[in-house]
Protein backbone atom coordinates (compact mmCIF):
# COMPACT_ATOMS: atom_id res chain seq x y z
CA MET A 1 -24.79 -54.13 109.08
CA LEU A 2 -26.62 -50.92 109.77
CA TYR A 3 -25.40 -48.50 112.38
CA GLY A 4 -25.91 -44.85 113.05
CA GLN A 5 -27.45 -42.26 115.27
CA ARG A 6 -30.60 -43.01 117.20
CA ARG A 7 -34.00 -42.39 115.63
CA ILE A 8 -32.93 -42.22 111.97
CA GLY A 9 -34.82 -45.30 110.75
CA LYS A 10 -32.37 -48.22 110.96
CA THR A 11 -34.94 -50.59 112.44
CA SER A 12 -37.55 -49.46 109.92
CA VAL A 13 -35.17 -50.29 107.07
CA LEU A 14 -34.53 -53.76 108.50
CA GLN A 15 -38.24 -54.38 109.00
CA GLU A 16 -38.94 -53.35 105.41
CA LEU A 17 -36.17 -55.65 104.17
CA GLU A 18 -37.55 -58.49 106.26
CA ALA A 19 -40.98 -58.00 104.69
CA ARG A 20 -39.66 -57.81 101.11
CA LEU A 21 -36.88 -60.41 101.04
CA PRO A 22 -37.77 -63.98 100.06
CA LYS A 23 -38.33 -66.15 103.13
CA GLU A 24 -35.61 -68.53 101.96
CA GLY A 25 -32.52 -66.92 100.54
CA ALA A 26 -29.09 -65.50 101.09
CA TYR A 27 -30.08 -62.53 103.26
CA TYR A 28 -31.60 -62.57 106.73
CA PRO A 29 -32.20 -59.44 108.80
CA ILE A 30 -30.95 -59.93 112.36
CA PHE A 31 -31.84 -57.35 114.99
CA PHE A 32 -29.18 -56.62 117.61
CA ASP A 33 -29.31 -53.41 119.63
CA LEU A 34 -25.90 -52.08 120.70
CA GLN A 35 -27.43 -49.52 123.05
CA ASP A 36 -26.18 -49.96 126.64
CA LYS A 37 -23.38 -52.27 125.49
CA ALA A 38 -20.53 -49.75 125.49
CA GLU A 39 -19.00 -51.41 128.55
CA TRP A 40 -18.96 -54.84 126.90
CA SER A 41 -15.74 -56.17 125.42
CA LEU A 42 -15.61 -56.67 121.66
CA GLY A 43 -15.46 -60.42 122.24
CA ARG A 44 -18.69 -60.37 124.23
CA VAL A 45 -20.48 -58.25 121.62
CA LEU A 46 -19.38 -60.58 118.82
CA ARG A 47 -20.44 -63.67 120.82
CA GLU A 48 -23.88 -62.17 121.43
CA ILE A 49 -24.29 -61.27 117.75
CA ALA A 50 -23.24 -64.80 116.75
CA HIS A 51 -25.70 -66.21 119.30
CA HIS A 52 -28.54 -64.09 117.85
CA ILE A 53 -27.68 -65.22 114.32
CA SER A 54 -27.49 -68.91 115.23
CA ARG A 55 -30.76 -68.72 117.15
CA PHE A 56 -32.50 -66.97 114.24
CA LEU A 57 -31.20 -69.53 111.73
CA LYS A 58 -31.92 -72.41 114.18
CA LEU A 59 -28.31 -73.59 114.13
CA PRO A 60 -26.73 -75.57 116.98
């Protein structure tokens, strides 16, 4: 997980990893923006992250 201040290059790092990692492997970069989610409960945030991961990996 990468987190930090805005505009320091987190997305760029993930995009670089995505380009360099083998297409099939143990690591998959998943993009999930927490901006504007401060009002969400932890449960909702975790559900949305899990949903993004399952969609990316094409899991049921």
